[in-house]
PDB file of N, CA and C in Angstrom:
ATOM      1  N   MET A   1      76.069  69.082 110.153  1.00  0.00           N
ATOM      2  CA  MET A   1      76.775  69.868 109.161  1.00  0.00           C
ATOM      3  C   MET A   1      78.228  70.112 109.567  1.00  0.00           C
ATOM      4  N   GLU A   2      78.505  70.354 110.823  1.00  0.00           N
ATOM      5  CA  GLU A   2      79.863  70.656 111.259  1.00  0.00           C
ATOM      6  C   GLU A   2      80.810  69.486 111.084  1.00  0.00           C
ATOM      7  N   GLU A   3      80.305  68.269 110.992  1.00  0.00           N
ATOM      8  CA  GLU A   3      81.196  67.126 110.826  1.00  0.00           C
ATOM      9  C   GLU A   3      81.887  67.133 109.468  1.00  0.00           C
ATOM     10  N   ASN A   4      81.405  67.939 108.508  1.00  0.00           N
ATOM     11  CA  ASN A   4      82.030  68.049 107.194  1.00  0.00           C
ATOM     12  C   ASN A   4      83.057  69.176 107.127  1.00  0.00           C
ATOM     13  N   LEU A   5      83.238  69.911 108.216  1.00  0.00           N
ATOM     14  CA  LEU A   5      84.153  71.043 108.227  1.00  0.00           C
ATOM     15  C   LEU A   5      85.501  70.630 108.797  1.00  0.00           C
ATOM     16  N   SER A   6      86.564  71.227 108.262  1.00  0.00           N
ATOM     17  CA  SER A   6      87.914  71.009 108.776  1.00  0.00           C
ATOM     18  C   SER A   6      88.581  72.359 108.950  1.00  0.00           C
ATOM     19  N   SER A   7      89.334  72.520 110.019  1.00  0.00           N
ATOM     20  CA  SER A   7      90.082  73.754 110.197  1.00  0.00           C
ATOM     21  C   SER A   7      91.377  73.670 109.390  1.00  0.00           C
ATOM     22  N   ILE A   8      91.924  74.816 109.060  1.00  0.00           N
ATOM     23  CA  ILE A   8      93.182  74.844 108.311  1.00  0.00           C
ATOM     24  C   ILE A   8      94.292  74.209 109.147  1.00  0.00           C
ATOM     25  N   ASN A   9      94.339  74.529 110.435  1.00  0.00           N
ATOM     26  CA  ASN A   9      95.357  73.913 111.293  1.00  0.00           C
ATOM     27  C   ASN A   9      95.174  72.408 111.362  1.00  0.00           C
ATOM     28  N   GLY A  10      93.932  71.946 111.399  1.00  0.00           N
ATOM     29  CA  GLY A  10      93.665  70.514 111.419  1.00  0.00           C
ATOM     30  C   GLY A  10      94.103  69.840 110.133  1.00  0.00           C
ATOM     31  N   MET A  11      93.893  70.511 109.005  1.00  0.00           N
ATOM     32  CA  MET A  11      94.288  69.947 107.715  1.00  0.00           C
ATOM     33  C   MET A  11      95.801  69.832 107.599  1.00  0.00           C
ATOM     34  N   LYS A  12      96.529  70.745 108.233  1.00  0.00           N
ATOM     35  CA  LYS A  12      97.989  70.713 108.139  1.00  0.00           C
ATOM     36  C   LYS A  12      98.595  69.525 108.884  1.00  0.00           C
ATOM     37  N   THR A  13      97.807  68.865 109.723  1.00  0.00           N
ATOM     38  CA  THR A  13      98.299  67.686 110.436  1.00  0.00           C
ATOM     39  C   THR A  13      97.907  66.388 109.730  1.00  0.00           C
ATOM     40  N   MET A  14      97.160  66.494 108.625  1.00  0.00           N
ATOM     41  CA  MET A  14      96.732  65.307 107.878  1.00  0.00           C
ATOM     42  C   MET A  14      97.752  64.976 106.798  1.00  0.00           C
ATOM     43  N   GLU A  15      97.989  63.691 106.594  1.00  0.00           N
ATOM     44  CA  GLU A  15      98.923  63.267 105.558  1.00  0.00           C
ATOM     45  C   GLU A  15      98.222  63.276 104.203  1.00  0.00           C
ATOM     46  N   VAL A  16      98.926  63.731 103.164  1.00  0.00           N
ATOM     47  CA  VAL A  16      98.383  63.781 101.807  1.00  0.00           C
ATOM     48  C   VAL A  16      98.809  62.515 101.069  1.00  0.00           C
ATOM     49  N   ILE A  17      97.825  61.818 100.477  1.00  0.00           N
ATOM     50  CA  ILE A  17      98.056  60.553  99.774  1.00  0.00           C
ATOM     51  C   ILE A  17      97.606  60.696  98.328  1.00  0.00           C
ATOM     52  N   ASP A  18      98.440  60.241  97.387  1.00  0.00           N
ATOM     53  CA  ASP A  18      98.094  60.225  95.965  1.00  0.00           C
ATOM     54  C   ASP A  18      97.241  58.991  95.687  1.00  0.00           C
ATOM     55  N   ILE A  19      96.015  59.191  95.177  1.00  0.00           N
ATOM     56  CA  ILE A  19      95.125  58.048  94.937  1.00  0.00           C
ATOM     57  C   ILE A  19      95.584  57.190  93.766  1.00  0.00           C
ATOM     58  N   ASN A  20      96.401  57.733  92.873  1.00  0.00           N
ATOM     59  CA  ASN A  20      96.862  56.976  91.708  1.00  0.00           C
ATOM     60  C   ASN A  20      97.924  55.941  92.065  1.00  0.00           C
ATOM     61  N   THR A  21      98.806  56.298  92.980  1.00  0.00           N
ATOM     62  CA  THR A  21      99.917  55.409  93.329  1.00  0.00           C
ATOM     63  C   THR A  21      99.842  54.886  94.758  1.00  0.00           C
ATOM     64  N   GLY A  22      99.023  55.521  95.588  1.00  0.00           N
ATOM     65  CA  GLY A  22      98.967  55.159  97.004  1.00  0.00           C
ATOM     66  C   GLY A  22     100.141  55.693  97.796  1.00  0.00           C
ATOM     67  N   SER A  23     100.973  56.520  97.162  1.00  0.00           N
ATOM     68  CA  SER A  23     102.168  57.026  97.843  1.00  0.00           C
ATOM     69  C   SER A  23     101.830  58.184  98.775  1.00  0.00           C
ATOM     70  N   LYS A  24     102.603  58.265  99.853  1.00  0.00           N
ATOM     71  CA  LYS A  24     102.466  59.355 100.804  1.00  0.00           C
ATOM     72  C   LYS A  24     103.241  60.547 100.267  1.00  0.00           C
ATOM     73  N   MET A  25     102.570  61.680 100.142  1.00  0.00           N
ATOM     74  CA  MET A  25     103.207  62.870  99.592  1.00  0.00           C
ATOM     75  C   MET A  25     103.715  63.810 100.677  1.00  0.00           C
ATOM     76  N   GLY A  26     103.269  63.610 101.900  1.00  0.00           N
ATOM     77  CA  GLY A  26     103.713  64.454 102.997  1.00  0.00           C
ATOM     78  C   GLY A  26     102.556  65.219 103.615  1.00  0.00           C
ATOM     79  N   PHE A  27     102.895  66.288 104.312  1.00  0.00           N
ATOM     80  CA  PHE A  27     101.910  67.102 105.013  1.00  0.00           C
ATOM     81  C   PHE A  27     101.825  68.476 104.356  1.00  0.00           C
ATOM     82  N   ILE A  28     100.692  69.125 104.501  1.00  0.00           N
ATOM     83  CA  ILE A  28     100.473  70.441 103.900  1.00  0.00           C
ATOM     84  C   ILE A  28     101.406  71.460 104.545  1.00  0.00           C
ATOM     85  N   LYS A  29     102.098  72.210 103.700  1.00  0.00           N
ATOM     86  CA  LYS A  29     102.983  73.277 104.170  1.00  0.00           C
ATOM     87  C   LYS A  29     102.216  74.593 104.259  1.00  0.00           C
ATOM     88  N   ASP A  30     101.342  74.824 103.264  1.00  0.00           N
ATOM     89  CA  ASP A  30     100.613  76.084 103.197  1.00  0.00           C
ATOM     90  C   ASP A  30      99.332  75.869 102.410  1.00  0.00           C
ATOM     91  N   ILE A  31      98.421  76.805 102.523  1.00  0.00           N
ATOM     92  CA  ILE A  31      97.153  76.748 101.800  1.00  0.00           C
ATOM     93  C   ILE A  31      96.957  78.086 101.108  1.00  0.00           C
ATOM     94  N   LYS A  32      96.613  78.047  99.819  1.00  0.00           N
ATOM     95  CA  LYS A  32      96.365  79.272  99.061  1.00  0.00           C
ATOM     96  C   LYS A  32      94.866  79.551  99.073  1.00  0.00           C
ATOM     97  N   LEU A  33      94.493  80.782  99.462  1.00  0.00           N
ATOM     98  CA  LEU A  33      93.092  81.172  99.572  1.00  0.00           C
ATOM     99  C   LEU A  33      92.749  82.264  98.572  1.00  0.00           C
ATOM    100  N   ASP A  34      91.517  82.238  98.073  1.00  0.00           N
ATOM    101  CA  ASP A  34      90.954  83.343  97.296  1.00  0.00           C
ATOM    102  C   ASP A  34      90.143  84.164  98.289  1.00  0.00           C
ATOM    103  N   GLU A  35      90.681  85.306  98.695  1.00  0.00           N
ATOM    104  CA  GLU A  35      90.042  86.106  99.733  1.00  0.00           C
ATOM    105  C   GLU A  35      88.708  86.677  99.282  1.00  0.00           C
ATOM    106  N   ASP A  36      88.576  87.019  98.008  1.00  0.00           N
ATOM    107  CA  ASP A  36      87.322  87.586  97.514  1.00  0.00           C
ATOM    108  C   ASP A  36      86.199  86.558  97.539  1.00  0.00           C
ATOM    109  N   ALA A  37      86.480  85.351  97.080  1.00  0.00           N
ATOM    110  CA  ALA A  37      85.470  84.291  97.042  1.00  0.00           C
ATOM    111  C   ALA A  37      85.409  83.513  98.356  1.00  0.00           C
ATOM    112  N   MET A  38      86.389  83.745  99.244  1.00  0.00           N
ATOM    113  CA  MET A  38      86.490  83.038 100.520  1.00  0.00           C
ATOM    114  C   MET A  38      86.504  81.527 100.315  1.00  0.00           C
ATOM    115  N   LYS A  39      87.387  81.071  99.404  1.00  0.00           N
ATOM    116  CA  LYS A  39      87.524  79.647  99.096  1.00  0.00           C
ATOM    117  C   LYS A  39      88.992  79.248  99.086  1.00  0.00           C
ATOM    118  N   VAL A  40      89.226  77.968  99.352  1.00  0.00           N
ATOM    119  CA  VAL A  40      90.572  77.417  99.231  1.00  0.00           C
ATOM    120  C   VAL A  40      90.840  77.176  97.752  1.00  0.00           C
ATOM    121  N   VAL A  41      91.955  77.697  97.247  1.00  0.00           N
ATOM    122  CA  VAL A  41      92.330  77.540  95.841  1.00  0.00           C
ATOM    123  C   VAL A  41      93.195  76.295  95.660  1.00  0.00           C
ATOM    124  N   SER A  42      94.180  76.116  96.551  1.00  0.00           N
ATOM    125  CA  SER A  42      95.105  74.992  96.410  1.00  0.00           C
ATOM    126  C   SER A  42      95.819  74.738  97.729  1.00  0.00           C
ATOM    127  N   ILE A  43      96.467  73.564  97.781  1.00  0.00           N
ATOM    128  CA  ILE A  43      97.331  73.248  98.914  1.00  0.00           C
ATOM    129  C   ILE A  43      98.764  73.191  98.398  1.00  0.00           C
ATOM    130  N   ILE A  44      99.699  73.521  99.256  1.00  0.00           N
ATOM    131  CA  ILE A  44     101.111  73.511  98.876  1.00  0.00           C
ATOM    132  C   ILE A  44     101.837  72.514  99.770  1.00  0.00           C
ATOM    133  N   LEU A  45     102.540  71.589  99.109  1.00  0.00           N
ATOM    134  CA  LEU A  45     103.302  70.559  99.813  1.00  0.00           C
ATOM    135  C   LEU A  45     104.785  70.884  99.716  1.00  0.00           C
ATOM    136  N   PRO A  46     105.549  70.615 100.771  1.00  0.00           N
ATOM    137  CA  PRO A  46     106.988  70.893 100.710  1.00  0.00           C
ATOM    138  C   PRO A  46     107.700  69.918  99.783  1.00  0.00           C
ATOM    139  N   GLY A  47     108.772  70.397  99.172  1.00  0.00           N
ATOM    140  CA  GLY A  47     109.603  69.531  98.341  1.00  0.00           C
ATOM    141  C   GLY A  47     110.357  68.526  99.190  1.00  0.00           C
ATOM    142  N   GLU A  48     110.860  67.487  98.553  1.00  0.00           N
ATOM    143  CA  GLU A  48     111.615  66.451  99.260  1.00  0.00           C
ATOM    144  C   GLU A  48     113.009  66.955  99.615  1.00  0.00           C
ATOM    145  N   ALA A  49     113.529  66.479 100.740  1.00  0.00           N
ATOM    146  CA  ALA A  49     114.881  66.845 101.162  1.00  0.00           C
ATOM    147  C   ALA A  49     115.900  66.167 100.256  1.00  0.00           C
ATOM    148  N   LYS A  50     116.956  66.914  99.934  1.00  0.00           N
ATOM    149  CA  LYS A  50     118.065  66.384  99.133  1.00  0.00           C
ATOM    150  C   LYS A  50     119.360  66.709  99.856  1.00  0.00           C
ATOM    151  N   GLY A  51     119.949  65.726 100.460  1.00  0.00           N
ATOM    152  CA  GLY A  51     121.204  65.962 101.172  1.00  0.00           C
ATOM    153  C   GLY A  51     120.979  66.766 102.440  1.00  0.00           C
ATOM    154  N   TRP A  52     122.025  67.419 102.890  1.00  0.00           N
ATOM    155  CA  TRP A  52     121.960  68.167 104.145  1.00  0.00           C
ATOM    156  C   TRP A  52     121.190  69.468 104.032  1.00  0.00           C
ATOM    157  N   PHE A  53     121.409  70.208 102.944  1.00  0.00           N
ATOM    158  CA  PHE A  53     120.848  71.552 102.877  1.00  0.00           C
ATOM    159  C   PHE A  53     119.923  71.778 101.688  1.00  0.00           C
ATOM    160  N   GLY A  54     119.816  70.816 100.794  1.00  0.00           N
ATOM    161  CA  GLY A  54     119.013  71.015  99.601  1.00  0.00           C
ATOM    162  C   GLY A  54     117.643  70.372  99.701  1.00  0.00           C
ATOM    163  N   LYS A  55     116.730  70.828  98.831  1.00  0.00           N
ATOM    164  CA  LYS A  55     115.420  70.206  98.713  1.00  0.00           C
ATOM    165  C   LYS A  55     114.845  70.551  97.351  1.00  0.00           C
ATOM    166  N   THR A  56     113.887  69.744  96.913  1.00  0.00           N
ATOM    167  CA  THR A  56     113.216  70.041  95.657  1.00  0.00           C
ATOM    168  C   THR A  56     112.193  71.149  95.898  1.00  0.00           C
ATOM    169  N   GLU A  57     111.645  71.687  94.830  1.00  0.00           N
ATOM    170  CA  GLU A  57     110.693  72.781  94.926  1.00  0.00           C
ATOM    171  C   GLU A  57     109.376  72.305  95.535  1.00  0.00           C
ATOM    172  N   ASP A  58     108.635  73.251  96.132  1.00  0.00           N
ATOM    173  CA  ASP A  58     107.325  72.939  96.682  1.00  0.00           C
ATOM    174  C   ASP A  58     106.338  72.668  95.548  1.00  0.00           C
ATOM    175  N   ILE A  59     105.292  71.897  95.831  1.00  0.00           N
ATOM    176  CA  ILE A  59     104.303  71.507  94.828  1.00  0.00           C
ATOM    177  C   ILE A  59     102.950  72.082  95.215  1.00  0.00           C
ATOM    178  N   GLU A  60     102.280  72.744  94.260  1.00  0.00           N
ATOM    179  CA  GLU A  60     100.939  73.276  94.474  1.00  0.00           C
ATOM    180  C   GLU A  60      99.925  72.350  93.812  1.00  0.00           C
ATOM    181  N   ILE A  61      98.960  71.872  94.581  1.00  0.00           N
ATOM    182  CA  ILE A  61      97.911  70.999  94.058  1.00  0.00           C
ATOM    183  C   ILE A  61      96.585  71.746  94.141  1.00  0.00           C
ATOM    184  N   PRO A  62      95.904  71.941  93.000  1.00  0.00           N
ATOM    185  CA  PRO A  62      94.621  72.663  93.006  1.00  0.00           C
ATOM    186  C   PRO A  62      93.577  71.956  93.873  1.00  0.00           C
ATOM    187  N   TRP A  63      92.710  72.744  94.488  1.00  0.00           N
ATOM    188  CA  TRP A  63      91.660  72.189  95.335  1.00  0.00           C
ATOM    189  C   TRP A  63      90.760  71.245  94.541  1.00  0.00           C
ATOM    190  N   SER A  64      90.587  71.502  93.252  1.00  0.00           N
ATOM    191  CA  SER A  64      89.739  70.646  92.415  1.00  0.00           C
ATOM    192  C   SER A  64      90.293  69.224  92.300  1.00  0.00           C
ATOM    193  N   ASN A  65      91.568  69.023  92.605  1.00  0.00           N
ATOM    194  CA  ASN A  65      92.185  67.695  92.538  1.00  0.00           C
ATOM    195  C   ASN A  65      92.183  66.971  93.888  1.00  0.00           C
ATOM    196  N   ILE A  66      91.548  67.563  94.870  1.00  0.00           N
ATOM    197  CA  ILE A  66      91.417  66.896  96.162  1.00  0.00           C
ATOM    198  C   ILE A  66      90.139  66.073  96.124  1.00  0.00           C
ATOM    199  N   ASN A  67      90.284  64.762  96.268  1.00  0.00           N
ATOM    200  CA  ASN A  67      89.131  63.868  96.179  1.00  0.00           C
ATOM    201  C   ASN A  67      88.370  63.758  97.486  1.00  0.00           C
ATOM    202  N   LYS A  68      89.104  63.677  98.603  1.00  0.00           N
ATOM    203  CA  LYS A  68      88.439  63.458  99.888  1.00  0.00           C
ATOM    204  C   LYS A  68      89.313  63.968 101.017  1.00  0.00           C
ATOM    205  N   VAL A  69      88.684  64.679 101.954  1.00  0.00           N
ATOM    206  CA  VAL A  69      89.349  65.060 103.195  1.00  0.00           C
ATOM    207  C   VAL A  69      88.764  64.156 104.268  1.00  0.00           C
ATOM    208  N   GLY A  70      89.571  63.213 104.730  1.00  0.00           N
ATOM    209  CA  GLY A  70      89.116  62.246 105.723  1.00  0.00           C
ATOM    210  C   GLY A  70      89.414  62.698 107.133  1.00  0.00           C
ATOM    211  N   ILE A  71      89.412  61.752 108.051  1.00  0.00           N
ATOM    212  CA  ILE A  71      89.674  62.048 109.458  1.00  0.00           C
ATOM    213  C   ILE A  71      91.145  62.380 109.675  1.00  0.00           C
ATOM    214  N   ASP A  72      92.047  61.604 109.042  1.00  0.00           N
ATOM    215  CA  ASP A  72      93.478  61.835 109.253  1.00  0.00           C
ATOM    216  C   ASP A  72      94.299  61.840 107.970  1.00  0.00           C
ATOM    217  N   VAL A  73      93.655  61.735 106.802  1.00  0.00           N
ATOM    218  CA  VAL A  73      94.366  61.821 105.524  1.00  0.00           C
ATOM    219  C   VAL A  73      93.570  62.662 104.530  1.00  0.00           C
ATOM    220  N   ILE A  74      94.291  63.180 103.539  1.00  0.00           N
ATOM    221  CA  ILE A  74      93.684  63.900 102.420  1.00  0.00           C
ATOM    222  C   ILE A  74      94.064  63.142 101.161  1.00  0.00           C
ATOM    223  N   LEU A  75      93.064  62.720 100.390  1.00  0.00           N
ATOM    224  CA  LEU A  75      93.306  61.973  99.158  1.00  0.00           C
ATOM    225  C   LEU A  75      93.283  62.931  97.980  1.00  0.00           C
ATOM    226  N   VAL A  76      94.373  62.912  97.178  1.00  0.00           N
ATOM    227  CA  VAL A  76      94.479  63.809  96.030  1.00  0.00           C
ATOM    228  C   VAL A  76      94.727  63.014  94.755  1.00  0.00           C
ATOM    229  N   ASP A  77      94.283  63.573  93.650  1.00  0.00           N
ATOM    230  CA  ASP A  77      94.546  63.005  92.328  1.00  0.00           C
ATOM    231  C   ASP A  77      95.738  63.767  91.764  1.00  0.00           C
ATOM    232  N   TYR A  78      96.934  63.234  92.014  1.00  0.00           N
ATOM    233  CA  TYR A  78      98.168  63.905  91.605  1.00  0.00           C
ATOM    234  C   TYR A  78      98.660  63.281  90.315  1.00  0.00           C
ATOM    235  N   GLY A  79      98.687  64.070  89.253  1.00  0.00           N
ATOM    236  CA  GLY A  79      99.083  63.552  87.949  1.00  0.00           C
ATOM    237  C   GLY A  79     100.554  63.726  87.633  1.00  0.00           C
ATOM    238  N   GLY A  80     101.371  64.061  88.611  1.00  0.00           N
ATOM    239  CA  GLY A  80     102.797  64.256  88.381  1.00  0.00           C
ATOM    240  C   GLY A  80     103.163  65.727  88.334  1.00  0.00           C
ATOM    241  N   GLU A  81     104.440  65.996  88.471  1.00  0.00           N
ATOM    242  CA  GLU A  81     104.922  67.374  88.563  1.00  0.00           C
ATOM    243  C   GLU A  81     104.674  68.190  87.307  1.00  0.00           C
ATOM    244  N   ASP A  82     104.520  67.545  86.157  1.00  0.00           N
ATOM    245  CA  ASP A  82     104.297  68.285  84.916  1.00  0.00           C
ATOM    246  C   ASP A  82     102.941  68.979  84.902  1.00  0.00           C
ATOM    247  N   ASN A  83     102.006  68.526  85.740  1.00  0.00           N
ATOM    248  CA  ASN A  83     100.652  69.061  85.739  1.00  0.00           C
ATOM    249  C   ASN A  83     100.421  70.155  86.770  1.00  0.00           C
ATOM    250  N   TYR A  84     101.411  70.469  87.607  1.00  0.00           N
ATOM    251  CA  TYR A  84     101.201  71.394  88.699  1.00  0.00           C
ATOM    252  C   TYR A  84     102.292  72.441  88.760  1.00  0.00           C
ATOM    253  N   LYS A  85     101.937  73.568  89.369  1.00  0.00           N
ATOM    254  CA  LYS A  85     102.885  74.656  89.541  1.00  0.00           C
ATOM    255  C   LYS A  85     103.902  74.270  90.607  1.00  0.00           C
ATOM    256  N   ILE A  86     105.154  74.529  90.330  1.00  0.00           N
ATOM    257  CA  ILE A  86     106.235  74.211  91.259  1.00  0.00           C
ATOM    258  C   ILE A  86     106.807  75.527  91.794  1.00  0.00           C
ATOM    259  N   TYR A  87     106.952  75.626  93.110  1.00  0.00           N
ATOM    260  CA  TYR A  87     107.543  76.807  93.742  1.00  0.00           C
ATOM    261  C   TYR A  87     108.994  76.539  94.063  1.00  0.00           C
ATOM    262  N   GLU A  88     109.835  77.512  93.817  1.00  0.00           N
ATOM    263  CA  GLU A  88     111.253  77.385  94.176  1.00  0.00           C
ATOM    264  C   GLU A  88     111.499  78.001  95.525  1.00  0.00           C
TER     265      GLU A  88
END
């Protein structure tokens, strides 16, 4: 049973991959938890760097869109920025 468990710190070292395009989205910046239900609600990925000091907004991907948490990657069904909450 423990082989199906991942720690939050361990997940933050896994690369997130979009299954639709095969593109690398980066690494998890933060994880949103529902404390009452004790469940992961979503993962938050950092925005892309723009120039020296700028970057795009962070992207929140719901846990329901995570297809697989593997040994060293997390596969997500990312439908584009229009489908997800963007953090500034």
